[in-house]
Amino acid sequence: MTIHKAGYKLLLKILFVGILLNLALYYFINNTTIAYTVSILSIILFLLIVNFFRFPNRIIIQDDNTILAPADGKIVVIEETDEPEYFKERRLQVSIFMNIFNVHINWFPVNGIVKYFKYHKGNFAAAYLPKSSTENERTSIAITCNNGQTILMRQIAGAMAKRIVSYATVEGQARQDQHAGFIKFGSRVDLFLPLDTHIEVKLGQKTKGSQTIIGTFK
């Protein structure tokens, strides 16, 4: 396991601030108990944040007819819904909620070409709420798959997520073994699929990004 590039700058900043804070405590506070306690808590916090940016090594099997989970997390939505931004028609929505302990890398769920990308400013409500899909900060990525089908992937910031990183570019290639982006801290990913997609997951099921099969095209 390695550290994802999205965490390099933040981790260095936190490490720098932590070192300065602990040095100040040792020099200006004559209470070794407080100094040692803060040092231990600082180390624990830093390790937790390092764990958040972990980059697991995974074997990814690509298949043009298969939709892979774009993220680690839990299935919180499987339903037909209107998708008003890109398709402007009924679609099958599958949503994955990511808590702070999940790997927060996002993978492309399909192989194809990115045909649409848009970043939306928005709120930071809890990502498990239905309104977060249209009201929170988010990105929308439409991908025309190699088999001719088109899907929409939406990265959504949650209550603790303050930045969405996306690597998608219009007319750029999408591959199931490539990172689509990264969402810092708790968040959610929505997929909008053709109505006849054969879904292979259930509500409440845990997913592993790039590994769990969400469904297959018909």
N, C-alpha and C. Protein backbone atom coordinates (compact mmCIF):
# COMPACT_ATOMS: atom_id res chain seq x y z
N MET A 1 0.83 -1.20 0.00
CA MET A 1 0.00 0.00 0.00
C MET A 1 0.87 1.25 0.00
N THR A 2 0.47 2.24 -0.80
CA THR A 2 1.20 3.51 -0.87
C THR A 2 0.23 4.66 -0.54
N ILE A 3 0.74 5.89 -0.61
CA ILE A 3 -0.08 7.07 -0.36
C ILE A 3 -0.50 7.69 -1.69
N HIS A 4 -1.77 8.02 -1.81
CA HIS A 4 -2.27 8.62 -3.04
C HIS A 4 -1.74 10.05 -3.20
N LYS A 5 -1.49 10.45 -4.43
CA LYS A 5 -0.90 11.77 -4.69
C LYS A 5 -1.79 12.92 -4.21
N ALA A 6 -3.10 12.68 -4.07
CA ALA A 6 -4.01 13.73 -3.61
C ALA A 6 -3.73 14.14 -2.17
N GLY A 7 -2.97 13.31 -1.45
CA GLY A 7 -2.72 13.61 -0.05
C GLY A 7 -1.36 14.18 0.26
N TYR A 8 -0.47 14.24 -0.74
CA TYR A 8 0.92 14.65 -0.48
C TYR A 8 1.01 16.02 0.20
N LYS A 9 0.42 17.05 -0.41
CA LYS A 9 0.55 18.41 0.11
C LYS A 9 -0.09 18.56 1.49
N LEU A 10 -1.28 18.00 1.63
CA LEU A 10 -1.98 18.11 2.91
C LEU A 10 -1.21 17.42 4.03
N LEU A 11 -0.68 16.24 3.75
CA LEU A 11 0.06 15.51 4.77
C LEU A 11 1.33 16.25 5.18
N LEU A 12 2.00 16.87 4.22
CA LEU A 12 3.20 17.65 4.53
C LEU A 12 2.85 18.87 5.39
N LYS A 13 1.75 19.53 5.08
CA LYS A 13 1.31 20.68 5.87
C LYS A 13 0.98 20.26 7.30
N ILE A 14 0.25 19.17 7.44
CA ILE A 14 -0.13 18.69 8.77
C ILE A 14 1.10 18.28 9.57
N LEU A 15 2.05 17.62 8.91
CA LEU A 15 3.28 17.21 9.58
C LEU A 15 4.07 18.42 10.05
N PHE A 16 4.16 19.44 9.20
CA PHE A 16 4.90 20.66 9.55
C PHE A 16 4.26 21.37 10.75
N VAL A 17 2.93 21.53 10.70
CA VAL A 17 2.22 22.19 11.81
C VAL A 17 2.34 21.37 13.09
N GLY A 18 2.26 20.06 12.97
CA GLY A 18 2.37 19.20 14.14
C GLY A 18 3.74 19.30 14.80
N ILE A 19 4.78 19.35 14.00
CA ILE A 19 6.13 19.48 14.54
C ILE A 19 6.31 20.81 15.25
N LEU A 20 5.83 21.91 14.63
CA LEU A 20 5.93 23.23 15.26
C LEU A 20 5.16 23.29 16.57
N LEU A 21 3.97 22.72 16.58
CA LEU A 21 3.14 22.72 17.78
C LEU A 21 3.82 21.97 18.92
N ASN A 22 4.37 20.82 18.61
CA ASN A 22 5.02 20.02 19.66
C ASN A 22 6.31 20.67 20.16
N LEU A 23 7.06 21.29 19.26
CA LEU A 23 8.26 22.00 19.69
C LEU A 23 7.92 23.16 20.61
N ALA A 24 6.84 23.89 20.26
CA ALA A 24 6.40 25.02 21.08
C ALA A 24 6.00 24.55 22.48
N LEU A 25 5.30 23.43 22.54
CA LEU A 25 4.88 22.91 23.84
C LEU A 25 6.08 22.53 24.71
N TYR A 26 7.07 21.88 24.10
CA TYR A 26 8.25 21.46 24.86
C TYR A 26 9.04 22.66 25.38
N TYR A 27 9.08 23.72 24.59
CA TYR A 27 9.90 24.89 24.97
C TYR A 27 9.19 25.86 25.90
N PHE A 28 7.85 25.99 25.76
CA PHE A 28 7.15 27.06 26.48
C PHE A 28 6.20 26.57 27.57
N ILE A 29 5.96 25.27 27.67
CA ILE A 29 5.08 24.75 28.71
C ILE A 29 5.88 23.82 29.63
N ASN A 30 5.89 24.15 30.89
CA ASN A 30 6.65 23.36 31.85
C ASN A 30 5.81 22.23 32.44
N ASN A 31 5.17 21.52 31.56
CA ASN A 31 4.34 20.39 32.00
C ASN A 31 4.55 19.26 31.01
N THR A 32 5.41 18.35 31.39
CA THR A 32 5.76 17.25 30.46
C THR A 32 4.58 16.34 30.17
N THR A 33 3.65 16.21 31.13
CA THR A 33 2.48 15.36 30.91
C THR A 33 1.63 15.88 29.75
N ILE A 34 1.39 17.20 29.77
CA ILE A 34 0.61 17.81 28.68
C ILE A 34 1.36 17.68 27.35
N ALA A 35 2.67 17.95 27.39
CA ALA A 35 3.47 17.88 26.17
C ALA A 35 3.46 16.48 25.57
N TYR A 36 3.65 15.46 26.41
CA TYR A 36 3.65 14.07 25.93
C TYR A 36 2.26 13.67 25.41
N THR A 37 1.21 14.10 26.11
CA THR A 37 -0.15 13.75 25.69
C THR A 37 -0.46 14.34 24.32
N VAL A 38 -0.11 15.62 24.13
CA VAL A 38 -0.34 16.26 22.83
C VAL A 38 0.46 15.58 21.74
N SER A 39 1.70 15.19 22.05
CA SER A 39 2.55 14.50 21.07
C SER A 39 1.92 13.19 20.62
N ILE A 40 1.43 12.42 21.59
CA ILE A 40 0.81 11.13 21.27
C ILE A 40 -0.45 11.32 20.44
N LEU A 41 -1.28 12.29 20.83
CA LEU A 41 -2.51 12.57 20.08
C LEU A 41 -2.20 13.06 18.67
N SER A 42 -1.14 13.86 18.54
CA SER A 42 -0.73 14.37 17.23
C SER A 42 -0.31 13.23 16.31
N ILE A 43 0.43 12.29 16.86
CA ILE A 43 0.90 11.13 16.07
C ILE A 43 -0.28 10.28 15.63
N ILE A 44 -1.22 10.04 16.57
CA ILE A 44 -2.40 9.24 16.24
C ILE A 44 -3.22 9.90 15.14
N LEU A 45 -3.45 11.22 15.27
CA LEU A 45 -4.22 11.96 14.26
C LEU A 45 -3.53 11.91 12.90
N PHE A 46 -2.23 12.08 12.89
CA PHE A 46 -1.49 12.07 11.62
C PHE A 46 -1.59 10.69 10.96
N LEU A 47 -1.48 9.64 11.75
CA LEU A 47 -1.57 8.28 11.19
C LEU A 47 -2.97 8.00 10.64
N LEU A 48 -4.01 8.54 11.31
CA LEU A 48 -5.38 8.36 10.81
C LEU A 48 -5.56 9.04 9.46
N ILE A 49 -4.97 10.23 9.32
CA ILE A 49 -5.08 10.95 8.05
C ILE A 49 -4.26 10.26 6.96
N VAL A 50 -3.09 9.73 7.33
CA VAL A 50 -2.30 8.95 6.38
C VAL A 50 -3.11 7.76 5.89
N ASN A 51 -3.81 7.09 6.81
CA ASN A 51 -4.63 5.93 6.46
C ASN A 51 -5.74 6.32 5.50
N PHE A 52 -6.29 7.52 5.67
CA PHE A 52 -7.35 7.99 4.78
C PHE A 52 -6.87 8.11 3.35
N PHE A 53 -5.62 8.49 3.15
CA PHE A 53 -5.08 8.67 1.80
C PHE A 53 -4.37 7.43 1.26
N ARG A 54 -4.66 6.29 1.84
CA ARG A 54 -4.00 5.06 1.40
C ARG A 54 -4.40 4.70 -0.03
N PHE A 55 -3.48 4.10 -0.72
CA PHE A 55 -3.64 3.73 -2.12
C PHE A 55 -3.40 2.22 -2.21
N PRO A 56 -4.44 1.40 -2.09
CA PRO A 56 -4.27 -0.06 -2.09
C PRO A 56 -3.92 -0.59 -3.46
N ASN A 57 -3.10 -1.60 -3.48
CA ASN A 57 -2.75 -2.27 -4.74
C ASN A 57 -3.83 -3.31 -5.04
N ARG A 58 -4.48 -3.17 -6.19
CA ARG A 58 -5.56 -4.07 -6.54
C ARG A 58 -5.40 -4.58 -7.97
N ILE A 59 -5.75 -5.84 -8.16
CA ILE A 59 -5.76 -6.42 -9.50
C ILE A 59 -7.14 -6.12 -10.11
N ILE A 60 -7.16 -5.44 -11.24
CA ILE A 60 -8.41 -5.00 -11.85
C ILE A 60 -8.61 -5.72 -13.18
N ILE A 61 -9.73 -6.43 -13.29
CA ILE A 61 -10.07 -7.17 -14.51
C ILE A 61 -11.05 -6.32 -15.31
N GLN A 62 -10.64 -5.86 -16.47
CA GLN A 62 -11.49 -4.99 -17.29
C GLN A 62 -12.45 -5.81 -18.16
N ASP A 63 -13.65 -5.26 -18.32
CA ASP A 63 -14.67 -5.91 -19.13
C ASP A 63 -15.61 -4.83 -19.65
N ASP A 64 -15.71 -4.68 -20.97
CA ASP A 64 -16.54 -3.62 -21.56
C ASP A 64 -18.02 -3.76 -21.25
N ASN A 65 -18.47 -4.94 -20.85
CA ASN A 65 -19.89 -5.15 -20.58
C ASN A 65 -20.22 -5.07 -19.10
N THR A 66 -19.21 -4.80 -18.28
CA THR A 66 -19.39 -4.81 -16.83
C THR A 66 -19.19 -3.42 -16.24
N ILE A 67 -20.02 -3.08 -15.25
CA ILE A 67 -19.89 -1.81 -14.53
C ILE A 67 -19.31 -2.12 -13.16
N LEU A 68 -18.10 -1.63 -12.92
CA LEU A 68 -17.44 -1.88 -11.64
C LEU A 68 -17.72 -0.74 -10.66
N ALA A 69 -17.67 -1.05 -9.38
CA ALA A 69 -17.87 -0.03 -8.35
C ALA A 69 -16.81 1.06 -8.49
N PRO A 70 -17.21 2.33 -8.52
CA PRO A 70 -16.24 3.41 -8.63
C PRO A 70 -15.58 3.76 -7.30
N ALA A 71 -16.08 3.17 -6.20
CA ALA A 71 -15.55 3.56 -4.89
C ALA A 71 -15.80 2.47 -3.85
N ASP A 72 -15.00 2.50 -2.79
CA ASP A 72 -15.26 1.70 -1.60
C ASP A 72 -16.41 2.36 -0.85
N GLY A 73 -17.26 1.58 -0.21
CA GLY A 73 -18.34 2.17 0.57
C GLY A 73 -19.50 1.22 0.74
N LYS A 74 -20.70 1.79 0.77
CA LYS A 74 -21.93 1.00 0.98
C LYS A 74 -23.01 1.49 0.02
N ILE A 75 -23.75 0.56 -0.56
CA ILE A 75 -24.85 0.90 -1.47
C ILE A 75 -26.00 1.49 -0.65
N VAL A 76 -26.37 2.74 -0.98
CA VAL A 76 -27.45 3.41 -0.24
C VAL A 76 -28.66 3.72 -1.12
N VAL A 77 -28.50 3.62 -2.44
CA VAL A 77 -29.62 3.88 -3.35
C VAL A 77 -29.55 2.92 -4.53
N ILE A 78 -30.69 2.29 -4.84
CA ILE A 78 -30.89 1.57 -6.10
C ILE A 78 -32.32 1.87 -6.52
N GLU A 79 -32.50 2.76 -7.49
CA GLU A 79 -33.86 3.14 -7.87
C GLU A 79 -33.89 3.82 -9.23
N GLU A 80 -35.06 3.80 -9.86
CA GLU A 80 -35.27 4.58 -11.08
C GLU A 80 -35.49 6.04 -10.69
N THR A 81 -34.93 6.95 -11.46
CA THR A 81 -35.07 8.36 -11.16
C THR A 81 -34.90 9.18 -12.42
N ASP A 82 -35.34 10.43 -12.38
CA ASP A 82 -35.10 11.36 -13.49
C ASP A 82 -33.70 11.95 -13.32
N GLU A 83 -32.92 11.95 -14.39
CA GLU A 83 -31.59 12.56 -14.37
C GLU A 83 -31.69 13.84 -15.21
N PRO A 84 -31.75 15.02 -14.55
CA PRO A 84 -32.07 16.26 -15.26
C PRO A 84 -30.89 16.99 -15.90
N GLU A 85 -29.68 16.63 -15.56
CA GLU A 85 -28.54 17.43 -16.02
C GLU A 85 -28.06 17.05 -17.41
N TYR A 86 -27.86 15.77 -17.65
CA TYR A 86 -27.25 15.32 -18.91
C TYR A 86 -28.23 14.52 -19.76
N PHE A 87 -28.79 13.46 -19.21
CA PHE A 87 -29.67 12.61 -19.99
C PHE A 87 -31.06 13.23 -20.17
N LYS A 88 -31.53 13.90 -19.10
CA LYS A 88 -32.87 14.49 -19.08
C LYS A 88 -33.93 13.43 -19.38
N GLU A 89 -33.77 12.29 -18.75
CA GLU A 89 -34.70 11.18 -18.90
C GLU A 89 -34.55 10.23 -17.71
N ARG A 90 -35.40 9.21 -17.68
CA ARG A 90 -35.34 8.24 -16.59
C ARG A 90 -34.07 7.40 -16.71
N ARG A 91 -33.46 7.18 -15.57
CA ARG A 91 -32.25 6.36 -15.49
C ARG A 91 -32.30 5.52 -14.22
N LEU A 92 -31.47 4.50 -14.16
CA LEU A 92 -31.35 3.68 -12.97
C LEU A 92 -30.19 4.22 -12.14
N GLN A 93 -30.49 4.70 -10.94
CA GLN A 93 -29.47 5.29 -10.08
C GLN A 93 -28.97 4.28 -9.05
N VAL A 94 -27.65 4.18 -8.95
CA VAL A 94 -27.00 3.38 -7.91
C VAL A 94 -26.01 4.31 -7.20
N SER A 95 -26.15 4.42 -5.88
CA SER A 95 -25.31 5.34 -5.12
C SER A 95 -24.50 4.61 -4.06
N ILE A 96 -23.25 5.05 -3.91
CA ILE A 96 -22.34 4.48 -2.92
C ILE A 96 -21.94 5.56 -1.93
N PHE A 97 -22.20 5.33 -0.64
CA PHE A 97 -21.80 6.27 0.40
C PHE A 97 -20.44 5.84 0.96
N MET A 98 -19.52 6.81 1.05
CA MET A 98 -18.16 6.55 1.53
C MET A 98 -17.98 7.24 2.89
N ASN A 99 -17.68 6.45 3.94
CA ASN A 99 -17.40 7.08 5.23
C ASN A 99 -15.91 7.41 5.35
N ILE A 100 -15.52 8.05 6.44
CA ILE A 100 -14.13 8.54 6.55
C ILE A 100 -13.11 7.42 6.65
N PHE A 101 -13.58 6.19 6.90
CA PHE A 101 -12.65 5.07 7.03
C PHE A 101 -12.44 4.32 5.71
N ASN A 102 -13.25 4.65 4.70
CA ASN A 102 -13.10 4.00 3.40
C ASN A 102 -11.91 4.58 2.62
N VAL A 103 -11.38 3.78 1.69
CA VAL A 103 -10.47 4.32 0.68
C VAL A 103 -11.27 5.32 -0.14
N HIS A 104 -10.73 6.52 -0.36
CA HIS A 104 -11.50 7.55 -1.04
C HIS A 104 -11.08 7.81 -2.48
N ILE A 105 -10.33 6.91 -3.05
CA ILE A 105 -10.03 6.97 -4.47
C ILE A 105 -11.29 6.62 -5.24
N ASN A 106 -11.52 7.29 -6.36
CA ASN A 106 -12.61 6.94 -7.28
C ASN A 106 -12.02 6.38 -8.56
N TRP A 107 -12.55 5.26 -9.00
CA TRP A 107 -12.13 4.64 -10.26
C TRP A 107 -13.20 4.87 -11.32
N PHE A 108 -12.79 4.86 -12.59
CA PHE A 108 -13.78 4.85 -13.66
C PHE A 108 -14.50 3.50 -13.62
N PRO A 109 -15.83 3.50 -13.65
CA PRO A 109 -16.58 2.23 -13.55
C PRO A 109 -16.66 1.46 -14.86
N VAL A 110 -16.37 2.15 -15.98
CA VAL A 110 -16.49 1.53 -17.31
C VAL A 110 -15.32 1.95 -18.18
N ASN A 111 -15.19 1.26 -19.30
CA ASN A 111 -14.19 1.63 -20.31
C ASN A 111 -14.88 2.43 -21.42
N GLY A 112 -14.27 3.54 -21.81
CA GLY A 112 -14.88 4.33 -22.87
C GLY A 112 -14.22 5.69 -23.02
N ILE A 113 -15.00 6.68 -23.48
CA ILE A 113 -14.52 8.04 -23.70
C ILE A 113 -15.39 9.01 -22.91
N VAL A 114 -14.73 9.94 -22.21
CA VAL A 114 -15.46 10.97 -21.46
C VAL A 114 -16.05 11.98 -22.45
N LYS A 115 -17.38 12.12 -22.42
CA LYS A 115 -18.06 13.02 -23.35
C LYS A 115 -18.57 14.30 -22.69
N TYR A 116 -18.59 14.32 -21.38
CA TYR A 116 -19.13 15.49 -20.67
C TYR A 116 -18.51 15.55 -19.29
N PHE A 117 -18.12 16.77 -18.89
CA PHE A 117 -17.62 16.98 -17.53
C PHE A 117 -18.05 18.36 -17.06
N LYS A 118 -18.57 18.42 -15.84
CA LYS A 118 -18.94 19.71 -15.27
C LYS A 118 -18.78 19.69 -13.76
N TYR A 119 -18.18 20.77 -13.24
CA TYR A 119 -18.04 20.95 -11.80
C TYR A 119 -19.14 21.91 -11.32
N HIS A 120 -19.80 21.54 -10.22
CA HIS A 120 -20.86 22.37 -9.66
C HIS A 120 -20.49 22.78 -8.24
N LYS A 121 -20.53 24.07 -7.97
CA LYS A 121 -20.41 24.51 -6.59
C LYS A 121 -21.69 24.16 -5.86
N GLY A 122 -21.59 23.99 -4.54
CA GLY A 122 -22.79 23.64 -3.81
C GLY A 122 -22.57 23.58 -2.31
N ASN A 123 -23.51 22.94 -1.62
CA ASN A 123 -23.48 22.84 -0.16
C ASN A 123 -22.64 21.65 0.28
N PHE A 124 -22.58 21.44 1.59
CA PHE A 124 -21.85 20.31 2.15
C PHE A 124 -22.73 19.57 3.16
N ALA A 125 -23.96 19.26 2.72
CA ALA A 125 -24.88 18.49 3.55
C ALA A 125 -24.41 17.04 3.61
N ALA A 126 -24.97 16.30 4.55
CA ALA A 126 -24.61 14.88 4.69
C ALA A 126 -24.80 14.16 3.36
N ALA A 127 -23.78 13.41 2.93
CA ALA A 127 -23.78 12.81 1.59
C ALA A 127 -24.81 11.71 1.43
N TYR A 128 -25.31 11.13 2.54
CA TYR A 128 -26.28 10.05 2.41
C TYR A 128 -27.69 10.57 2.13
N LEU A 129 -27.91 11.89 2.25
CA LEU A 129 -29.22 12.47 1.98
C LEU A 129 -29.49 12.54 0.48
N PRO A 130 -30.71 12.24 0.03
CA PRO A 130 -31.02 12.28 -1.41
C PRO A 130 -30.72 13.63 -2.06
N LYS A 131 -30.97 14.73 -1.33
CA LYS A 131 -30.78 16.07 -1.91
C LYS A 131 -29.31 16.38 -2.21
N SER A 132 -28.39 15.62 -1.61
CA SER A 132 -26.97 15.89 -1.85
C SER A 132 -26.60 15.68 -3.31
N SER A 133 -27.35 14.84 -4.02
CA SER A 133 -27.04 14.55 -5.42
C SER A 133 -27.21 15.76 -6.32
N THR A 134 -28.06 16.71 -5.91
CA THR A 134 -28.32 17.88 -6.74
C THR A 134 -27.96 19.20 -6.06
N GLU A 135 -27.72 19.19 -4.74
CA GLU A 135 -27.48 20.44 -4.01
C GLU A 135 -26.05 20.58 -3.50
N ASN A 136 -25.33 19.48 -3.31
CA ASN A 136 -23.97 19.56 -2.79
C ASN A 136 -22.96 19.90 -3.87
N GLU A 137 -21.75 20.27 -3.45
CA GLU A 137 -20.65 20.40 -4.40
C GLU A 137 -20.45 19.06 -5.08
N ARG A 138 -20.25 19.07 -6.41
CA ARG A 138 -20.22 17.80 -7.13
C ARG A 138 -19.59 17.98 -8.51
N THR A 139 -19.20 16.87 -9.09
CA THR A 139 -18.81 16.84 -10.49
C THR A 139 -19.67 15.82 -11.21
N SER A 140 -19.94 16.06 -12.48
CA SER A 140 -20.69 15.12 -13.30
C SER A 140 -19.83 14.70 -14.48
N ILE A 141 -19.72 13.38 -14.69
CA ILE A 141 -18.86 12.83 -15.74
C ILE A 141 -19.68 11.84 -16.57
N ALA A 142 -19.94 12.17 -17.83
CA ALA A 142 -20.65 11.25 -18.73
C ALA A 142 -19.62 10.50 -19.57
N ILE A 143 -19.80 9.19 -19.64
CA ILE A 143 -18.86 8.33 -20.36
C ILE A 143 -19.62 7.49 -21.38
N THR A 144 -19.22 7.60 -22.64
CA THR A 144 -19.73 6.70 -23.67
C THR A 144 -18.85 5.47 -23.69
N CYS A 145 -19.44 4.33 -23.37
CA CYS A 145 -18.67 3.09 -23.21
C CYS A 145 -18.27 2.51 -24.56
N ASN A 146 -17.32 1.61 -24.52
CA ASN A 146 -16.84 0.97 -25.75
C ASN A 146 -17.94 0.17 -26.44
N ASN A 147 -18.97 -0.25 -25.67
CA ASN A 147 -20.07 -1.03 -26.27
C ASN A 147 -21.21 -0.14 -26.75
N GLY A 148 -21.03 1.20 -26.69
CA GLY A 148 -22.04 2.12 -27.20
C GLY A 148 -22.99 2.67 -26.16
N GLN A 149 -23.05 2.09 -24.98
CA GLN A 149 -23.89 2.59 -23.91
C GLN A 149 -23.27 3.85 -23.29
N THR A 150 -24.08 4.67 -22.62
CA THR A 150 -23.58 5.87 -21.96
C THR A 150 -24.05 5.89 -20.51
N ILE A 151 -23.15 6.22 -19.61
CA ILE A 151 -23.50 6.33 -18.19
C ILE A 151 -23.05 7.71 -17.67
N LEU A 152 -23.60 8.09 -16.53
CA LEU A 152 -23.16 9.31 -15.85
C LEU A 152 -22.66 8.94 -14.47
N MET A 153 -21.49 9.43 -14.12
CA MET A 153 -20.91 9.24 -12.79
C MET A 153 -20.85 10.59 -12.10
N ARG A 154 -21.33 10.66 -10.87
CA ARG A 154 -21.33 11.94 -10.16
C ARG A 154 -20.57 11.80 -8.83
N GLN A 155 -19.52 12.60 -8.66
CA GLN A 155 -18.79 12.67 -7.39
C GLN A 155 -19.45 13.76 -6.55
N ILE A 156 -19.78 13.42 -5.30
CA ILE A 156 -20.52 14.36 -4.44
C ILE A 156 -19.78 14.56 -3.13
N ALA A 157 -19.55 15.82 -2.77
CA ALA A 157 -18.92 16.14 -1.49
C ALA A 157 -19.93 15.95 -0.37
N GLY A 158 -19.45 15.51 0.80
CA GLY A 158 -20.32 15.32 1.95
C GLY A 158 -20.10 16.40 2.99
N ALA A 159 -20.61 16.15 4.20
CA ALA A 159 -20.52 17.14 5.28
C ALA A 159 -19.08 17.44 5.66
N MET A 160 -18.19 16.43 5.53
CA MET A 160 -16.79 16.62 5.89
C MET A 160 -15.89 16.80 4.69
N ALA A 161 -16.42 16.53 3.51
CA ALA A 161 -15.59 16.64 2.30
C ALA A 161 -15.50 18.09 1.86
N LYS A 162 -14.31 18.61 1.71
CA LYS A 162 -14.13 20.01 1.34
C LYS A 162 -13.42 20.17 0.00
N ARG A 163 -13.15 19.06 -0.65
CA ARG A 163 -12.56 19.19 -1.98
C ARG A 163 -12.74 17.92 -2.78
N ILE A 164 -13.21 18.09 -4.02
CA ILE A 164 -13.32 16.98 -4.96
C ILE A 164 -12.21 17.12 -5.97
N VAL A 165 -11.46 16.06 -6.16
CA VAL A 165 -10.42 16.02 -7.19
C VAL A 165 -10.92 15.12 -8.31
N SER A 166 -10.87 15.61 -9.54
CA SER A 166 -11.29 14.81 -10.69
C SER A 166 -10.22 14.85 -11.76
N TYR A 167 -9.97 13.68 -12.37
CA TYR A 167 -8.96 13.58 -13.43
C TYR A 167 -9.61 13.41 -14.80
N ALA A 168 -10.94 13.50 -14.86
CA ALA A 168 -11.64 13.31 -16.13
C ALA A 168 -11.50 14.54 -17.02
N THR A 169 -11.28 14.32 -18.30
CA THR A 169 -11.23 15.40 -19.29
C THR A 169 -12.09 15.00 -20.48
N VAL A 170 -12.81 15.96 -21.02
CA VAL A 170 -13.68 15.68 -22.17
C VAL A 170 -12.86 15.16 -23.34
N GLU A 171 -13.33 14.07 -23.92
CA GLU A 171 -12.68 13.33 -25.01
C GLU A 171 -11.46 12.54 -24.52
N GLY A 172 -11.25 12.54 -23.22
CA GLY A 172 -10.19 11.71 -22.65
C GLY A 172 -10.68 10.28 -22.46
N GLN A 173 -9.75 9.38 -22.31
CA GLN A 173 -10.09 7.97 -22.17
C GLN A 173 -10.48 7.64 -20.74
N ALA A 174 -11.49 6.80 -20.59
CA ALA A 174 -11.87 6.25 -19.29
C ALA A 174 -11.57 4.76 -19.30
N ARG A 175 -10.86 4.31 -18.28
CA ARG A 175 -10.52 2.89 -18.18
C ARG A 175 -10.79 2.44 -16.75
N GLN A 176 -11.27 1.23 -16.62
CA GLN A 176 -11.62 0.71 -15.30
C GLN A 176 -10.42 0.57 -14.38
N ASP A 177 -9.23 0.55 -14.94
CA ASP A 177 -8.02 0.44 -14.10
C ASP A 177 -7.38 1.80 -13.86
N GLN A 178 -8.10 2.89 -14.16
CA GLN A 178 -7.58 4.24 -13.95
C GLN A 178 -8.40 4.96 -12.88
N HIS A 179 -7.74 5.88 -12.18
CA HIS A 179 -8.43 6.70 -11.18
C HIS A 179 -9.21 7.82 -11.86
N ALA A 180 -10.49 7.93 -11.49
CA ALA A 180 -11.32 9.03 -11.99
C ALA A 180 -11.16 10.26 -11.12
N GLY A 181 -10.73 10.06 -9.86
CA GLY A 181 -10.56 11.19 -8.96
C GLY A 181 -10.43 10.76 -7.52
N PHE A 182 -10.65 11.72 -6.63
CA PHE A 182 -10.48 11.50 -5.19
C PHE A 182 -11.37 12.51 -4.48
N ILE A 183 -12.08 12.07 -3.44
CA ILE A 183 -12.90 12.99 -2.64
C ILE A 183 -12.35 12.98 -1.22
N LYS A 184 -11.95 14.13 -0.74
CA LYS A 184 -11.29 14.20 0.57
C LYS A 184 -12.32 14.19 1.71
N PHE A 185 -12.30 13.10 2.45
CA PHE A 185 -13.17 12.82 3.61
C PHE A 185 -14.56 12.39 3.14
N GLY A 186 -15.53 12.23 4.07
CA GLY A 186 -16.79 11.57 3.78
C GLY A 186 -17.50 12.08 2.54
N SER A 187 -18.08 11.19 1.73
CA SER A 187 -18.64 11.62 0.45
C SER A 187 -19.49 10.51 -0.17
N ARG A 188 -19.81 10.71 -1.46
CA ARG A 188 -20.72 9.78 -2.14
C ARG A 188 -20.46 9.80 -3.65
N VAL A 189 -20.75 8.68 -4.31
CA VAL A 189 -20.67 8.60 -5.76
C VAL A 189 -21.98 8.03 -6.28
N ASP A 190 -22.59 8.73 -7.25
CA ASP A 190 -23.81 8.25 -7.90
C ASP A 190 -23.48 7.76 -9.30
N LEU A 191 -24.14 6.70 -9.70
CA LEU A 191 -24.09 6.22 -11.09
C LEU A 191 -25.50 6.28 -11.67
N PHE A 192 -25.63 6.79 -12.90
CA PHE A 192 -26.90 6.81 -13.60
C PHE A 192 -26.75 5.93 -14.84
N LEU A 193 -27.47 4.81 -14.81
CA LEU A 193 -27.27 3.72 -15.78
C LEU A 193 -28.51 3.52 -16.64
N PRO A 194 -28.36 2.84 -17.79
CA PRO A 194 -29.54 2.51 -18.60
C PRO A 194 -30.55 1.70 -17.77
N LEU A 195 -31.84 1.89 -18.05
CA LEU A 195 -32.88 1.24 -17.25
C LEU A 195 -32.83 -0.28 -17.32
N ASP A 196 -32.31 -0.81 -18.41
CA ASP A 196 -32.28 -2.27 -18.54
C ASP A 196 -30.99 -2.90 -18.01
N THR A 197 -30.18 -2.12 -17.29
CA THR A 197 -28.96 -2.66 -16.70
C THR A 197 -29.30 -3.75 -15.69
N HIS A 198 -28.58 -4.85 -15.76
CA HIS A 198 -28.77 -5.94 -14.79
C HIS A 198 -27.94 -5.62 -13.54
N ILE A 199 -28.60 -5.27 -12.44
CA ILE A 199 -27.92 -4.87 -11.21
C ILE A 199 -27.55 -6.11 -10.40
N GLU A 200 -26.32 -6.14 -9.91
CA GLU A 200 -25.83 -7.30 -9.17
C GLU A 200 -25.47 -6.98 -7.72
N VAL A 201 -25.91 -5.82 -7.22
CA VAL A 201 -25.67 -5.47 -5.83
C VAL A 201 -27.02 -5.22 -5.14
N LYS A 202 -27.00 -5.16 -3.81
CA LYS A 202 -28.21 -4.93 -3.02
C LYS A 202 -28.01 -3.74 -2.09
N LEU A 203 -29.11 -3.14 -1.64
CA LEU A 203 -29.04 -2.06 -0.67
C LEU A 203 -28.31 -2.52 0.59
N GLY A 204 -27.43 -1.68 1.08
CA GLY A 204 -26.68 -2.01 2.28
C GLY A 204 -25.42 -2.82 2.04
N GLN A 205 -25.23 -3.29 0.81
CA GLN A 205 -24.04 -4.09 0.51
C GLN A 205 -22.79 -3.22 0.47
N LYS A 206 -21.71 -3.73 1.02
CA LYS A 206 -20.44 -3.02 0.97
C LYS A 206 -19.78 -3.25 -0.38
N THR A 207 -19.13 -2.22 -0.88
CA THR A 207 -18.47 -2.32 -2.19
C THR A 207 -16.97 -2.06 -2.04
N LYS A 208 -16.24 -2.59 -2.97
CA LYS A 208 -14.81 -2.32 -3.06
C LYS A 208 -14.55 -1.74 -4.45
N GLY A 209 -14.00 -0.52 -4.47
CA GLY A 209 -13.77 0.16 -5.73
C GLY A 209 -12.92 -0.64 -6.69
N SER A 210 -13.33 -0.71 -7.94
CA SER A 210 -12.66 -1.42 -9.03
C SER A 210 -12.75 -2.94 -8.90
N GLN A 211 -13.45 -3.43 -7.89
CA GLN A 211 -13.54 -4.87 -7.67
C GLN A 211 -14.98 -5.38 -7.69
N THR A 212 -15.88 -4.71 -6.98
CA THR A 212 -17.27 -5.15 -6.91
C THR A 212 -17.99 -4.86 -8.23
N ILE A 213 -18.72 -5.84 -8.74
CA ILE A 213 -19.51 -5.65 -9.96
C ILE A 213 -20.85 -5.03 -9.60
N ILE A 214 -21.10 -3.81 -10.06
CA ILE A 214 -22.37 -3.13 -9.82
C ILE A 214 -23.45 -3.70 -10.71
N GLY A 215 -23.11 -3.96 -11.96
CA GLY A 215 -24.09 -4.52 -12.89
C GLY A 215 -23.47 -4.80 -14.24
N THR A 216 -24.29 -5.32 -15.12
CA THR A 216 -23.85 -5.61 -16.49
C THR A 216 -24.85 -5.02 -17.48
N PHE A 217 -24.34 -4.60 -18.63
CA PHE A 217 -25.19 -4.05 -19.69
C PHE A 217 -25.92 -5.18 -20.42
N LYS A 218 -27.12 -4.88 -20.91
CA LYS A 218 -27.84 -5.85 -21.71
C LYS A 218 -27.71 -5.51 -23.18
